[in-house]
Amino acid sequence: MQNIEEIADKLKQLPDEQQGEVADFVDFLLSRLPAAPKAEQALRETAGIWKGEADGIAYEDTLRQQWERRR
């Protein structure tokens, strides 16, 4: 995958009309994405066998604390 800077450099090389076409295409791709839940809620959701039963951030914090104690 190319990074944003590489893509921006290539985009700057295009004539204005084609830059507009790229912008339209990006808008089209974005319109096809499912609506994203709030960022905080998405971070807290877990998947698989824990779905609906665990707080992902709390679990991660617990693991970090355990790791810190082992140092």
Protein backbone atom coordinates (compact mmCIF):
# COMPACT_ATOMS: atom_id res chain seq x y z
CA MET A 1 0.00 0.00 0.00
CA GLN A 2 1.29 3.43 -0.85
CA ASN A 3 1.50 6.08 1.81
CA ILE A 4 -0.47 9.31 1.62
CA GLU A 5 2.52 11.42 0.58
CA GLU A 6 3.26 9.19 -2.43
CA ILE A 7 -0.33 9.34 -3.55
CA ALA A 8 -0.47 13.12 -3.07
CA ASP A 9 2.71 13.55 -5.15
CA LYS A 10 1.19 11.53 -7.98
CA LEU A 11 -2.08 13.45 -7.73
CA LYS A 12 -0.25 16.77 -8.07
CA GLN A 13 1.15 15.58 -11.40
CA LEU A 14 -2.32 15.24 -12.90
CA PRO A 15 -4.15 18.06 -14.69
CA ASP A 16 -6.90 19.78 -12.67
CA GLU A 17 -9.67 17.95 -14.52
CA GLN A 18 -8.22 14.54 -13.69
CA GLN A 19 -7.61 15.61 -10.09
CA GLY A 20 -11.34 16.30 -9.93
CA GLU A 21 -12.06 12.82 -11.28
CA VAL A 22 -9.86 11.31 -8.57
CA ALA A 23 -11.69 13.36 -5.92
CA ASP A 24 -15.04 12.14 -7.30
CA PHE A 25 -13.83 8.54 -7.23
CA VAL A 26 -12.65 8.89 -3.63
CA ASP A 27 -16.06 10.32 -2.69
CA PHE A 28 -17.69 7.35 -4.41
CA LEU A 29 -15.53 4.87 -2.47
CA LEU A 30 -16.27 6.65 0.79
CA SER A 31 -20.01 6.54 0.08
CA ARG A 32 -19.81 2.74 -0.18
CA LEU A 33 -18.28 2.32 3.28
CA PRO A 34 -20.63 1.26 6.05
CA ALA A 35 -21.36 3.92 8.60
CA ALA A 36 -18.68 3.70 11.28
CA PRO A 37 -19.74 3.58 14.93
CA LYS A 38 -18.39 6.20 17.26
CA ALA A 39 -14.63 5.76 17.61
CA GLU A 40 -14.72 5.14 21.35
CA GLN A 41 -17.45 2.53 21.03
CA ALA A 42 -15.58 0.80 18.22
CA LEU A 43 -12.48 0.59 20.40
CA ARG A 44 -14.42 -0.92 23.26
CA GLU A 45 -16.18 -3.58 21.23
CA THR A 46 -14.74 -7.04 21.21
CA ALA A 47 -15.30 -9.82 18.75
CA GLY A 48 -15.48 -13.56 18.63
CA ILE A 49 -16.36 -15.48 21.78
CA TRP A 50 -16.14 -12.32 23.94
CA LYS A 51 -18.54 -10.24 21.88
CA GLY A 52 -20.86 -8.40 24.22
CA GLU A 53 -19.13 -9.82 27.31
CA ALA A 54 -15.87 -7.87 27.60
CA ASP A 55 -14.55 -4.34 27.38
CA GLY A 56 -11.64 -4.44 24.93
CA ILE A 57 -9.90 -1.37 26.35
CA ALA A 58 -10.22 -2.58 29.95
CA TYR A 59 -8.77 -5.94 28.94
CA GLU A 60 -5.86 -4.26 27.17
CA ASP A 61 -5.21 -2.02 30.19
CA THR A 62 -5.14 -5.07 32.46
CA LEU A 63 -2.62 -6.81 30.20
CA ARG A 64 -0.44 -3.71 30.12
CA GLN A 65 -0.49 -3.47 33.91
CA GLN A 66 0.46 -7.13 34.23
CA TRP A 67 3.32 -6.64 31.79
CA GLU A 68 4.59 -3.61 33.68
CA ARG A 69 4.65 -5.59 36.94
CA ARG A 70 6.80 -8.27 35.29
CA ARG A 71 9.55 -5.84 34.35
